[in-house]
């Protein structure tokens, strides 16, 4: 009887020892995915991210100006830019404050994401530019660019003749027009540009071609 139960016990023990002694193969660590290259963003995408952050600074904020910033190393896409800057105002504080949004870290105190600048004293509008409220901004820069290209006086001809120019944008309440406008600029700034088009930022309608 003793032998009848002893042999199976030895066989079972050997099997258990063999299984426990074999080293288990560790799963290979998954290769890290390469980080996607930075992509430019539209004006409204950056604008509303900065606006949300600025509401934490002051609840009564108004907007004085929004403009695009082009950076090396980020692809050029018409209607978009690598970085944007907005100047906000707070009538109750009597202060202005600039915010930036960038898709990369860059020179000129540009940081990835939303970054708040220092407060400055604001005593009221000067010149032809007046502050406006956020509800006036309904049309994005991608749409403004398409409108400018399609309806601007000889815009397609100018764009074809200057394919290497950056397309810049400025959002303002200029007293030339009854409402807020996107100015679509062929070049890095108004002063350096030979061609630009005004588009209504609320309706998307073509307004004027400027030189």
N, C-alpha and C. Protein backbone atom coordinates (compact mmCIF):
# COMPACT_ATOMS: atom_id res chain seq x y z
N UNK A 1 0.83 -1.21 0.00
CA UNK A 1 0.00 0.00 0.00
C UNK A 1 0.86 1.25 0.00
N UNK A 2 1.97 1.16 0.72
CA UNK A 2 2.84 2.33 0.80
C UNK A 2 3.35 2.72 -0.56
N UNK A 3 3.79 1.72 -1.35
CA UNK A 3 4.30 2.00 -2.69
C UNK A 3 3.23 2.58 -3.61
N UNK A 4 2.01 2.18 -3.42
CA UNK A 4 0.92 2.63 -4.29
C UNK A 4 0.76 4.14 -4.25
N UNK A 5 0.93 4.74 -3.07
CA UNK A 5 0.76 6.18 -2.94
C UNK A 5 2.07 6.96 -3.03
N UNK A 6 3.21 6.32 -2.84
CA UNK A 6 4.49 7.01 -2.82
C UNK A 6 4.95 7.43 -4.21
N UNK A 7 4.78 6.59 -5.21
CA UNK A 7 5.25 6.90 -6.55
C UNK A 7 4.53 8.09 -7.18
N UNK A 8 3.23 8.15 -7.15
CA UNK A 8 2.57 9.35 -7.70
C UNK A 8 3.00 10.63 -7.00
N UNK A 9 3.25 10.53 -5.70
CA UNK A 9 3.67 11.72 -4.95
C UNK A 9 5.02 12.22 -5.45
N UNK A 10 5.95 11.30 -5.72
CA UNK A 10 7.27 11.70 -6.24
C UNK A 10 7.15 12.36 -7.61
N UNK A 11 6.30 11.77 -8.47
CA UNK A 11 6.12 12.33 -9.82
C UNK A 11 5.54 13.73 -9.75
N UNK A 12 4.55 13.93 -8.89
CA UNK A 12 3.92 15.25 -8.75
C UNK A 12 4.90 16.28 -8.22
N UNK A 13 5.74 15.88 -7.26
CA UNK A 13 6.72 16.79 -6.69
C UNK A 13 7.74 17.22 -7.74
N UNK A 14 8.15 16.26 -8.57
CA UNK A 14 9.13 16.58 -9.62
C UNK A 14 8.56 17.57 -10.62
N UNK A 15 7.30 17.38 -10.95
CA UNK A 15 6.67 18.29 -11.90
C UNK A 15 6.58 19.70 -11.32
N UNK A 16 6.23 19.79 -10.04
CA UNK A 16 6.11 21.12 -9.41
C UNK A 16 7.45 21.82 -9.33
N UNK A 17 8.49 21.04 -8.99
CA UNK A 17 9.83 21.64 -8.91
C UNK A 17 10.29 22.13 -10.26
N UNK A 18 10.00 21.34 -11.30
CA UNK A 18 10.40 21.71 -12.65
C UNK A 18 9.72 22.96 -13.12
N UNK A 19 8.43 23.10 -12.80
CA UNK A 19 7.68 24.29 -13.24
C UNK A 19 8.15 25.54 -12.52
N UNK A 20 8.38 25.41 -11.20
CA UNK A 20 8.75 26.59 -10.43
C UNK A 20 10.16 27.04 -10.72
N UNK A 21 11.01 26.11 -11.15
CA UNK A 21 12.40 26.46 -11.38
C UNK A 21 12.65 27.13 -12.71
N UNK A 22 11.74 26.96 -13.68
CA UNK A 22 11.97 27.54 -15.00
C UNK A 22 11.76 29.05 -14.97
N UNK A 23 12.73 29.86 -15.36
CA UNK A 23 12.56 31.33 -15.34
C UNK A 23 11.52 31.78 -16.36
N UNK A 24 10.64 32.65 -15.92
CA UNK A 24 9.61 33.15 -16.81
C UNK A 24 10.16 34.29 -17.67
N UNK A 25 9.81 34.26 -18.91
CA UNK A 25 10.28 35.30 -19.83
C UNK A 25 9.51 36.59 -19.59
N UNK A 26 10.22 37.65 -19.29
CA UNK A 26 9.58 38.93 -19.02
C UNK A 26 9.07 39.55 -20.32
N UNK A 27 7.86 40.15 -20.27
CA UNK A 27 7.36 40.81 -21.48
C UNK A 27 8.23 41.99 -21.87
N UNK A 28 8.41 42.14 -23.14
CA UNK A 28 9.24 43.24 -23.63
C UNK A 28 8.55 44.57 -23.37
N UNK A 29 9.34 45.53 -22.93
CA UNK A 29 8.79 46.86 -22.69
C UNK A 29 8.39 47.49 -24.01
N UNK A 30 7.19 48.02 -24.04
CA UNK A 30 6.70 48.64 -25.28
C UNK A 30 7.55 49.86 -25.62
N UNK A 31 7.87 49.98 -26.86
CA UNK A 31 8.68 51.11 -27.29
C UNK A 31 7.88 52.41 -27.13
N UNK A 32 8.56 53.41 -26.65
CA UNK A 32 7.91 54.70 -26.45
C UNK A 32 7.55 55.31 -27.79
N UNK A 33 6.35 55.82 -27.85
CA UNK A 33 5.91 56.46 -29.07
C UNK A 33 6.64 57.79 -29.24
N UNK A 34 7.03 58.06 -30.45
CA UNK A 34 7.70 59.33 -30.71
C UNK A 34 6.71 60.48 -30.55
N UNK A 35 7.17 61.54 -29.91
CA UNK A 35 6.31 62.70 -29.70
C UNK A 35 5.99 63.36 -31.04
N UNK A 36 4.72 63.67 -31.23
CA UNK A 36 4.28 64.28 -32.49
C UNK A 36 4.92 65.65 -32.64
N UNK A 37 5.31 66.03 -33.86
CA UNK A 37 5.90 67.35 -34.08
C UNK A 37 4.88 68.44 -33.78
N UNK A 38 5.32 69.62 -33.36
CA UNK A 38 4.38 70.70 -33.04
C UNK A 38 3.60 71.15 -34.26
N UNK A 39 2.33 71.43 -34.06
CA UNK A 39 1.47 71.89 -35.14
C UNK A 39 0.90 73.26 -34.77
N UNK A 40 0.79 74.17 -35.73
CA UNK A 40 0.21 75.49 -35.43
C UNK A 40 -1.27 75.36 -35.11
N UNK A 41 -1.82 76.40 -34.48
CA UNK A 41 -3.24 76.40 -34.11
C UNK A 41 -3.92 77.64 -34.67
N UNK A 42 -5.22 77.58 -34.80
CA UNK A 42 -5.98 78.72 -35.31
C UNK A 42 -6.09 79.81 -34.25
N UNK A 43 -6.50 80.99 -34.69
CA UNK A 43 -6.61 82.11 -33.77
C UNK A 43 -7.60 81.88 -32.65
N UNK A 44 -8.78 81.35 -32.97
CA UNK A 44 -9.79 81.14 -31.95
C UNK A 44 -9.39 80.06 -30.96
N UNK A 45 -8.68 79.04 -31.43
CA UNK A 45 -8.21 77.99 -30.51
C UNK A 45 -7.33 78.59 -29.43
N UNK A 46 -6.34 79.39 -29.84
CA UNK A 46 -5.45 80.02 -28.88
C UNK A 46 -6.16 81.11 -28.08
N UNK A 47 -6.98 81.90 -28.76
CA UNK A 47 -7.65 83.03 -28.11
C UNK A 47 -8.51 82.57 -26.93
N UNK A 48 -9.33 81.56 -27.13
CA UNK A 48 -10.24 81.13 -26.07
C UNK A 48 -9.51 80.41 -24.94
N UNK A 49 -8.38 79.80 -25.22
CA UNK A 49 -7.57 79.23 -24.14
C UNK A 49 -6.99 80.34 -23.26
N UNK A 50 -6.53 81.40 -23.90
CA UNK A 50 -6.00 82.53 -23.13
C UNK A 50 -7.12 83.26 -22.40
N UNK A 51 -8.28 83.39 -23.04
CA UNK A 51 -9.41 84.05 -22.40
C UNK A 51 -9.83 83.31 -21.14
N UNK A 52 -9.88 81.99 -21.20
CA UNK A 52 -10.25 81.19 -20.03
C UNK A 52 -9.28 81.43 -18.89
N UNK A 53 -7.98 81.48 -19.21
CA UNK A 53 -6.97 81.72 -18.18
C UNK A 53 -7.09 83.14 -17.62
N UNK A 54 -7.35 84.10 -18.49
CA UNK A 54 -7.43 85.50 -18.06
C UNK A 54 -8.64 85.77 -17.17
N UNK A 55 -9.69 84.97 -17.30
CA UNK A 55 -10.86 85.14 -16.43
C UNK A 55 -10.49 84.89 -14.96
N UNK A 56 -9.44 84.14 -14.74
CA UNK A 56 -8.96 83.95 -13.38
C UNK A 56 -8.26 85.17 -12.83
N UNK A 57 -7.81 86.04 -13.72
CA UNK A 57 -7.17 87.30 -13.32
C UNK A 57 -8.21 88.36 -13.01
N UNK A 58 -9.21 88.50 -13.88
CA UNK A 58 -10.26 89.50 -13.69
C UNK A 58 -11.54 89.02 -14.37
N UNK A 59 -12.66 89.18 -13.68
CA UNK A 59 -13.93 88.68 -14.22
C UNK A 59 -14.52 89.59 -15.30
N UNK A 60 -14.09 90.86 -15.33
CA UNK A 60 -14.68 91.82 -16.26
C UNK A 60 -13.79 92.11 -17.46
N UNK A 61 -12.98 91.15 -17.86
CA UNK A 61 -11.99 91.40 -18.91
C UNK A 61 -12.63 91.75 -20.26
N UNK A 62 -11.95 92.66 -20.94
CA UNK A 62 -12.25 92.99 -22.32
C UNK A 62 -10.99 92.75 -23.14
N UNK A 63 -11.13 92.76 -24.44
CA UNK A 63 -9.98 92.47 -25.32
C UNK A 63 -9.59 93.73 -26.07
N UNK A 64 -8.30 93.99 -26.13
CA UNK A 64 -7.80 95.13 -26.90
C UNK A 64 -7.24 94.68 -28.25
N UNK A 65 -6.53 93.56 -28.24
CA UNK A 65 -5.89 93.12 -29.47
C UNK A 65 -5.47 91.67 -29.37
N UNK A 66 -5.52 90.97 -30.49
CA UNK A 66 -4.99 89.60 -30.59
C UNK A 66 -4.17 89.53 -31.87
N UNK A 67 -3.00 88.93 -31.80
CA UNK A 67 -2.14 88.84 -32.98
C UNK A 67 -1.38 87.53 -33.03
N UNK A 68 -1.03 87.12 -34.23
CA UNK A 68 -0.29 85.87 -34.44
C UNK A 68 1.21 86.11 -34.38
N UNK A 69 1.94 85.04 -34.06
CA UNK A 69 3.41 85.07 -34.00
C UNK A 69 3.91 83.81 -34.71
N UNK A 70 4.77 84.00 -35.70
CA UNK A 70 5.32 82.85 -36.43
C UNK A 70 6.67 82.46 -35.84
N UNK A 71 6.90 81.14 -35.72
CA UNK A 71 8.13 80.64 -35.12
C UNK A 71 8.78 79.61 -36.04
N UNK A 72 10.11 79.63 -36.05
CA UNK A 72 10.86 78.64 -36.82
C UNK A 72 10.66 77.26 -36.20
N UNK A 73 10.60 76.26 -37.04
CA UNK A 73 10.46 74.90 -36.55
C UNK A 73 9.04 74.40 -36.48
N UNK A 74 8.09 75.28 -36.76
CA UNK A 74 6.67 74.89 -36.77
C UNK A 74 6.15 75.06 -38.19
N UNK A 75 5.49 74.08 -38.74
CA UNK A 75 5.03 74.17 -40.13
C UNK A 75 4.13 75.38 -40.37
N UNK A 76 4.22 75.93 -41.56
CA UNK A 76 3.34 77.04 -41.94
C UNK A 76 2.03 76.48 -42.50
N UNK A 77 0.94 76.87 -41.89
CA UNK A 77 -0.38 76.45 -42.34
C UNK A 77 -1.25 77.69 -42.44
N UNK A 78 -1.74 78.05 -43.62
CA UNK A 78 -2.58 79.25 -43.75
C UNK A 78 -3.78 79.21 -42.81
N UNK A 79 -3.96 80.30 -42.09
CA UNK A 79 -5.06 80.36 -41.13
C UNK A 79 -4.65 80.00 -39.71
N UNK A 80 -3.39 79.57 -39.55
CA UNK A 80 -2.92 79.15 -38.23
C UNK A 80 -1.54 79.76 -37.95
N UNK A 81 -1.10 79.66 -36.69
CA UNK A 81 0.23 80.17 -36.33
C UNK A 81 0.76 79.38 -35.14
N UNK A 82 2.08 79.44 -34.96
CA UNK A 82 2.72 78.71 -33.86
C UNK A 82 2.44 79.34 -32.51
N UNK A 83 2.24 80.64 -32.49
CA UNK A 83 2.00 81.34 -31.22
C UNK A 83 1.07 82.53 -31.44
N UNK A 84 0.40 82.92 -30.35
CA UNK A 84 -0.54 84.04 -30.40
C UNK A 84 -0.40 84.87 -29.12
N UNK A 85 -0.73 86.14 -29.23
CA UNK A 85 -0.69 87.02 -28.06
C UNK A 85 -1.97 87.84 -28.00
N UNK A 86 -2.53 87.95 -26.79
CA UNK A 86 -3.74 88.76 -26.58
C UNK A 86 -3.47 89.76 -25.46
N UNK A 87 -3.91 90.99 -25.66
CA UNK A 87 -3.87 91.99 -24.59
C UNK A 87 -5.28 92.14 -24.04
N UNK A 88 -5.44 91.80 -22.75
CA UNK A 88 -6.72 91.92 -22.06
C UNK A 88 -6.73 93.17 -21.19
N UNK A 89 -7.93 93.68 -20.95
CA UNK A 89 -8.10 94.85 -20.09
C UNK A 89 -9.09 94.51 -18.98
N UNK A 90 -8.90 95.14 -17.83
CA UNK A 90 -9.87 95.05 -16.73
C UNK A 90 -10.25 96.46 -16.31
N UNK A 91 -11.44 96.94 -16.70
CA UNK A 91 -11.87 98.29 -16.29
C UNK A 91 -11.91 98.46 -14.78
N UNK A 92 -12.32 97.42 -14.05
CA UNK A 92 -12.42 97.55 -12.59
C UNK A 92 -11.05 97.68 -11.93
N UNK A 93 -10.05 97.02 -12.49
CA UNK A 93 -8.69 97.11 -11.94
C UNK A 93 -7.91 98.28 -12.51
N UNK A 94 -8.34 98.77 -13.68
CA UNK A 94 -7.57 99.81 -14.35
C UNK A 94 -6.23 99.27 -14.84
N UNK A 95 -6.24 97.99 -15.25
CA UNK A 95 -5.00 97.33 -15.65
C UNK A 95 -5.17 96.65 -17.00
N UNK A 96 -4.04 96.44 -17.68
CA UNK A 96 -4.00 95.60 -18.87
C UNK A 96 -3.00 94.48 -18.61
N UNK A 97 -3.18 93.38 -19.34
CA UNK A 97 -2.27 92.25 -19.15
C UNK A 97 -2.23 91.44 -20.42
N UNK A 98 -1.03 91.15 -20.88
CA UNK A 98 -0.87 90.35 -22.09
C UNK A 98 -0.67 88.87 -21.74
N UNK A 99 -1.30 88.03 -22.53
CA UNK A 99 -1.15 86.58 -22.41
C UNK A 99 -0.64 86.04 -23.74
N UNK A 100 0.14 84.98 -23.67
CA UNK A 100 0.60 84.32 -24.89
C UNK A 100 0.21 82.84 -24.85
N UNK A 101 0.05 82.29 -26.05
CA UNK A 101 -0.14 80.84 -26.19
C UNK A 101 0.81 80.39 -27.30
N UNK A 102 1.62 79.39 -26.99
CA UNK A 102 2.59 78.89 -27.96
C UNK A 102 2.58 77.37 -27.96
N UNK A 103 2.85 76.79 -29.12
CA UNK A 103 2.91 75.32 -29.19
C UNK A 103 4.29 74.80 -28.85
N UNK A 104 5.28 75.70 -28.70
CA UNK A 104 6.64 75.30 -28.32
C UNK A 104 7.25 76.37 -27.41
N UNK A 105 8.33 76.00 -26.73
CA UNK A 105 9.14 76.98 -26.01
C UNK A 105 9.97 77.74 -27.04
N UNK A 106 10.04 79.05 -26.90
CA UNK A 106 10.76 79.84 -27.90
C UNK A 106 11.32 81.10 -27.27
N UNK A 107 12.19 81.76 -28.02
CA UNK A 107 12.76 83.02 -27.55
C UNK A 107 11.67 84.08 -27.47
N UNK A 108 11.98 85.17 -26.79
CA UNK A 108 11.02 86.25 -26.64
C UNK A 108 10.03 85.98 -25.53
N UNK A 109 10.44 85.19 -24.52
CA UNK A 109 9.59 84.87 -23.37
C UNK A 109 8.32 84.12 -23.77
N UNK A 110 8.43 83.30 -24.80
CA UNK A 110 7.30 82.47 -25.22
C UNK A 110 7.46 81.08 -24.61
N UNK A 111 6.40 80.65 -23.94
CA UNK A 111 6.40 79.35 -23.28
C UNK A 111 5.29 78.48 -23.83
N UNK A 112 5.52 77.18 -23.81
CA UNK A 112 4.52 76.26 -24.34
C UNK A 112 3.24 76.34 -23.50
N UNK A 113 2.12 76.47 -24.20
CA UNK A 113 0.84 76.62 -23.50
C UNK A 113 0.54 78.09 -23.23
N UNK A 114 -0.33 78.34 -22.25
CA UNK A 114 -0.74 79.71 -21.91
C UNK A 114 0.23 80.28 -20.89
N UNK A 115 0.64 81.52 -21.12
CA UNK A 115 1.56 82.19 -20.20
C UNK A 115 1.09 83.63 -19.98
N UNK A 116 0.98 84.04 -18.72
CA UNK A 116 0.50 85.39 -18.38
C UNK A 116 1.67 86.33 -18.16
N UNK A 117 1.57 87.52 -18.77
CA UNK A 117 2.58 88.54 -18.58
C UNK A 117 2.29 89.39 -17.35
N UNK A 118 3.03 90.46 -17.21
CA UNK A 118 2.86 91.35 -16.06
C UNK A 118 1.70 92.32 -16.27
N UNK A 119 1.12 92.77 -15.17
CA UNK A 119 0.06 93.78 -15.23
C UNK A 119 0.66 95.14 -15.58
N UNK A 120 -0.10 95.94 -16.32
CA UNK A 120 0.29 97.30 -16.63
C UNK A 120 -0.89 98.23 -16.41
N UNK A 121 -0.62 99.47 -16.14
CA UNK A 121 -1.68 100.44 -15.93
C UNK A 121 -2.41 100.74 -17.23
N UNK A 122 -3.74 100.80 -17.15
CA UNK A 122 -4.55 101.11 -18.33
C UNK A 122 -5.50 102.26 -17.97
N UNK A 123 -5.42 103.34 -18.75
CA UNK A 123 -6.20 104.54 -18.45
C UNK A 123 -7.33 104.80 -19.45
N UNK A 124 -7.51 103.87 -20.39
CA UNK A 124 -8.59 104.05 -21.36
C UNK A 124 -8.07 103.99 -22.78
N UNK A 125 -8.98 103.85 -23.76
CA UNK A 125 -8.57 103.70 -25.17
C UNK A 125 -7.88 104.94 -25.70
N UNK A 126 -6.88 104.70 -26.53
CA UNK A 126 -6.17 105.79 -27.20
C UNK A 126 -6.04 105.43 -28.67
N UNK A 127 -6.24 106.41 -29.55
CA UNK A 127 -6.13 106.16 -30.97
C UNK A 127 -7.37 105.47 -31.53
N UNK A 128 -7.21 104.82 -32.68
CA UNK A 128 -8.38 104.26 -33.38
C UNK A 128 -8.83 102.89 -32.88
N UNK A 129 -8.08 102.29 -31.94
CA UNK A 129 -8.39 100.94 -31.48
C UNK A 129 -9.15 100.99 -30.16
N UNK A 130 -10.30 100.32 -30.12
CA UNK A 130 -11.13 100.29 -28.91
C UNK A 130 -11.27 98.87 -28.40
N UNK A 131 -11.45 98.71 -27.08
CA UNK A 131 -11.64 97.36 -26.55
C UNK A 131 -12.99 96.77 -26.96
N UNK A 132 -13.09 95.45 -26.89
CA UNK A 132 -14.33 94.78 -27.24
C UNK A 132 -14.53 93.56 -26.35
N UNK A 133 -15.74 92.98 -26.39
CA UNK A 133 -16.05 91.84 -25.55
C UNK A 133 -15.91 90.54 -26.34
N UNK A 134 -15.80 89.44 -25.64
CA UNK A 134 -15.51 88.16 -26.27
C UNK A 134 -16.63 87.70 -27.20
N UNK A 135 -17.86 88.10 -26.92
CA UNK A 135 -18.99 87.65 -27.74
C UNK A 135 -18.89 88.12 -29.19
N UNK A 136 -18.03 89.11 -29.45
CA UNK A 136 -17.88 89.62 -30.82
C UNK A 136 -17.05 88.70 -31.70
N UNK A 137 -16.34 87.76 -31.10
CA UNK A 137 -15.43 86.90 -31.86
C UNK A 137 -16.12 85.58 -32.16
N UNK A 138 -16.61 85.44 -33.38
CA UNK A 138 -17.34 84.24 -33.78
C UNK A 138 -16.69 83.52 -34.97
N UNK A 139 -15.87 84.22 -35.71
CA UNK A 139 -15.26 83.66 -36.92
C UNK A 139 -13.79 83.35 -36.66
N UNK A 140 -13.37 82.15 -37.01
CA UNK A 140 -11.98 81.75 -36.78
C UNK A 140 -11.08 82.24 -37.92
N UNK A 141 -9.79 82.19 -37.67
CA UNK A 141 -8.81 82.69 -38.65
C UNK A 141 -8.76 81.82 -39.91
N UNK A 142 -9.05 80.54 -39.78
CA UNK A 142 -9.06 79.68 -40.96
C UNK A 142 -10.14 80.14 -41.94
N UNK A 143 -11.30 80.51 -41.41
CA UNK A 143 -12.39 81.03 -42.24
C UNK A 143 -12.05 82.41 -42.77
N UNK A 144 -11.47 83.25 -41.93
CA UNK A 144 -11.10 84.60 -42.35
C UNK A 144 -10.10 84.55 -43.51
N UNK A 145 -9.15 83.63 -43.43
CA UNK A 145 -8.17 83.49 -44.51
C UNK A 145 -8.84 83.06 -45.81
N UNK A 146 -9.73 82.09 -45.73
CA UNK A 146 -10.42 81.63 -46.93
C UNK A 146 -11.24 82.75 -47.57
N UNK A 147 -11.88 83.56 -46.73
CA UNK A 147 -12.67 84.68 -47.23
C UNK A 147 -11.75 85.71 -47.89
N UNK A 148 -10.64 86.02 -47.23
CA UNK A 148 -9.69 87.00 -47.77
C UNK A 148 -9.14 86.54 -49.12
N UNK A 149 -8.81 85.27 -49.21
CA UNK A 149 -8.24 84.74 -50.44
C UNK A 149 -9.26 84.72 -51.57
N UNK A 150 -10.52 84.42 -51.23
CA UNK A 150 -11.55 84.29 -52.25
C UNK A 150 -12.12 85.64 -52.69
N UNK A 151 -12.22 86.60 -51.76
CA UNK A 151 -12.92 87.85 -52.06
C UNK A 151 -12.04 89.09 -52.01
N UNK A 152 -10.84 88.97 -51.50
CA UNK A 152 -9.95 90.12 -51.48
C UNK A 152 -9.56 90.53 -52.88
N UNK A 153 -9.43 91.83 -53.11
CA UNK A 153 -9.10 92.35 -54.43
C UNK A 153 -7.75 91.80 -54.89
N UNK A 154 -7.77 90.94 -55.91
CA UNK A 154 -6.56 90.32 -56.48
C UNK A 154 -5.75 89.55 -55.45
N UNK A 155 -6.45 88.98 -54.45
CA UNK A 155 -5.76 88.24 -53.39
C UNK A 155 -5.07 87.00 -53.92
N UNK A 156 -5.72 86.26 -54.79
CA UNK A 156 -5.13 85.03 -55.32
C UNK A 156 -3.89 85.34 -56.14
N UNK A 157 -3.94 86.43 -56.91
CA UNK A 157 -2.78 86.81 -57.70
C UNK A 157 -1.61 87.20 -56.79
N UNK A 158 -1.91 87.94 -55.72
CA UNK A 158 -0.86 88.36 -54.81
C UNK A 158 -0.26 87.15 -54.08
N UNK A 159 -1.13 86.24 -53.64
CA UNK A 159 -0.66 85.04 -52.94
C UNK A 159 0.21 84.19 -53.85
N UNK A 160 -0.16 84.08 -55.11
CA UNK A 160 0.61 83.28 -56.06
C UNK A 160 1.97 83.91 -56.34
N UNK A 161 2.01 85.24 -56.35
CA UNK A 161 3.26 85.95 -56.62
C UNK A 161 4.19 85.97 -55.40
N UNK A 162 3.63 85.71 -54.19
CA UNK A 162 4.44 85.76 -52.96
C UNK A 162 4.19 84.49 -52.13
N UNK A 163 4.56 83.33 -52.65
CA UNK A 163 4.24 82.06 -51.96
C UNK A 163 5.00 81.85 -50.66
N UNK A 164 6.11 82.57 -50.45
CA UNK A 164 6.94 82.35 -49.26
C UNK A 164 6.57 83.24 -48.09
N UNK A 165 5.60 84.13 -48.26
CA UNK A 165 5.22 85.03 -47.18
C UNK A 165 4.40 84.31 -46.12
N UNK A 166 4.68 84.63 -44.85
CA UNK A 166 3.82 84.16 -43.77
C UNK A 166 2.47 84.87 -43.85
N UNK A 167 1.41 84.20 -43.41
CA UNK A 167 0.10 84.83 -43.32
C UNK A 167 -0.15 85.15 -41.86
N UNK A 168 -0.22 86.43 -41.53
CA UNK A 168 -0.40 86.86 -40.15
C UNK A 168 -1.82 87.38 -39.93
N UNK A 169 -2.19 87.51 -38.65
CA UNK A 169 -3.54 87.93 -38.30
C UNK A 169 -3.52 88.91 -37.14
N UNK A 170 -4.42 89.90 -37.22
CA UNK A 170 -4.63 90.84 -36.13
C UNK A 170 -6.12 90.97 -35.90
N UNK A 171 -6.54 90.82 -34.64
CA UNK A 171 -7.94 90.97 -34.25
C UNK A 171 -8.09 92.27 -33.47
N UNK A 172 -8.89 93.22 -34.01
CA UNK A 172 -9.04 94.53 -33.38
C UNK A 172 -10.44 95.08 -33.61
N UNK A 173 -10.77 96.07 -32.79
CA UNK A 173 -11.98 96.86 -32.99
C UNK A 173 -11.54 98.21 -33.52
N UNK A 174 -11.34 98.26 -34.83
CA UNK A 174 -10.82 99.45 -35.49
C UNK A 174 -11.98 100.38 -35.87
N UNK A 175 -11.82 101.69 -35.62
CA UNK A 175 -12.93 102.60 -35.88
C UNK A 175 -13.24 102.80 -37.36
N UNK A 176 -12.49 102.11 -38.24
CA UNK A 176 -12.85 102.12 -39.66
C UNK A 176 -14.15 101.36 -39.91
N UNK A 177 -14.46 100.42 -39.00
CA UNK A 177 -15.60 99.52 -39.19
C UNK A 177 -16.48 99.52 -37.95
N UNK A 178 -17.75 99.14 -38.11
CA UNK A 178 -18.66 99.15 -36.96
C UNK A 178 -18.41 98.03 -35.95
N UNK A 179 -17.70 96.99 -36.34
CA UNK A 179 -17.46 95.87 -35.43
C UNK A 179 -16.03 95.40 -35.44
N UNK A 180 -15.80 94.28 -34.78
CA UNK A 180 -14.46 93.70 -34.65
C UNK A 180 -14.06 93.01 -35.96
N UNK A 181 -12.79 93.11 -36.31
CA UNK A 181 -12.31 92.53 -37.57
C UNK A 181 -11.07 91.68 -37.37
N UNK A 182 -10.96 90.68 -38.23
CA UNK A 182 -9.68 90.00 -38.43
C UNK A 182 -9.01 90.66 -39.62
N UNK A 183 -7.78 91.09 -39.44
CA UNK A 183 -7.00 91.60 -40.56
C UNK A 183 -6.05 90.50 -41.01
N UNK A 184 -6.23 90.01 -42.21
CA UNK A 184 -5.40 88.94 -42.77
C UNK A 184 -4.26 89.60 -43.52
N UNK A 185 -3.04 89.32 -43.10
CA UNK A 185 -1.87 90.06 -43.57
C UNK A 185 -0.88 89.13 -44.27
N UNK A 186 -0.50 89.47 -45.47
CA UNK A 186 0.56 88.73 -46.18
C UNK A 186 1.89 89.32 -45.74
N UNK A 187 2.55 88.64 -44.80
CA UNK A 187 3.79 89.15 -44.22
C UNK A 187 3.76 88.97 -42.71
N UNK A 188 4.85 89.36 -42.05
CA UNK A 188 4.97 89.15 -40.60
C UNK A 188 4.33 90.26 -39.77
N UNK A 189 4.02 91.39 -40.38
CA UNK A 189 3.40 92.49 -39.64
C UNK A 189 2.73 93.44 -40.62
N UNK A 190 1.90 94.33 -40.08
CA UNK A 190 1.22 95.31 -40.92
C UNK A 190 2.23 96.22 -41.59
N UNK A 191 3.22 96.67 -40.83
CA UNK A 191 4.20 97.62 -41.36
C UNK A 191 5.07 97.01 -42.45
N UNK A 192 5.28 95.68 -42.38
CA UNK A 192 6.15 95.02 -43.37
C UNK A 192 5.36 94.41 -44.51
N UNK A 193 4.05 94.60 -44.51
CA UNK A 193 3.20 93.95 -45.51
C UNK A 193 2.82 94.90 -46.64
N UNK A 194 2.68 94.32 -47.83
CA UNK A 194 2.21 95.11 -48.97
C UNK A 194 0.79 94.77 -49.35
N UNK A 195 0.17 93.87 -48.55
CA UNK A 195 -1.18 93.46 -48.90
C UNK A 195 -1.88 92.86 -47.67
N UNK A 196 -3.11 93.29 -47.43
CA UNK A 196 -3.89 92.72 -46.33
C UNK A 196 -5.37 92.90 -46.61
N UNK A 197 -6.19 92.11 -45.93
CA UNK A 197 -7.63 92.11 -46.14
C UNK A 197 -8.34 92.11 -44.79
N UNK A 198 -9.37 92.94 -44.66
CA UNK A 198 -10.20 92.97 -43.45
C UNK A 198 -11.42 92.06 -43.62
N UNK A 199 -11.66 91.23 -42.59
CA UNK A 199 -12.82 90.34 -42.58
C UNK A 199 -13.56 90.54 -41.27
N UNK A 200 -14.88 90.64 -41.33
CA UNK A 200 -15.69 90.82 -40.13
C UNK A 200 -15.55 89.60 -39.22
N UNK A 201 -15.16 89.82 -37.96
CA UNK A 201 -14.91 88.72 -37.03
C UNK A 201 -16.20 88.13 -36.47
N UNK A 202 -17.32 88.79 -36.68
CA UNK A 202 -18.60 88.28 -36.19
C UNK A 202 -19.39 87.54 -37.28
N UNK A 203 -19.30 88.04 -38.52
CA UNK A 203 -20.11 87.46 -39.61
C UNK A 203 -19.27 86.70 -40.64
N UNK A 204 -17.98 86.99 -40.71
CA UNK A 204 -17.14 86.35 -41.71
C UNK A 204 -17.19 87.03 -43.06
N UNK A 205 -17.84 88.20 -43.15
CA UNK A 205 -17.97 88.89 -44.43
C UNK A 205 -16.70 89.66 -44.78
N UNK A 206 -16.40 89.70 -46.07
CA UNK A 206 -15.30 90.51 -46.58
C UNK A 206 -15.63 91.98 -46.40
N UNK A 207 -14.66 92.79 -45.94
CA UNK A 207 -14.91 94.20 -45.71
C UNK A 207 -14.07 95.11 -46.61
N UNK A 208 -12.77 94.86 -46.67
CA UNK A 208 -11.90 95.82 -47.36
C UNK A 208 -10.54 95.19 -47.66
N UNK A 209 -9.96 95.61 -48.79
CA UNK A 209 -8.59 95.24 -49.13
C UNK A 209 -7.69 96.45 -48.87
N UNK A 210 -6.60 96.23 -48.16
CA UNK A 210 -5.67 97.31 -47.84
C UNK A 210 -4.28 96.97 -48.36
N UNK A 211 -3.49 97.97 -48.53
CA UNK A 211 -2.12 97.78 -49.01
C UNK A 211 -1.12 97.92 -47.87
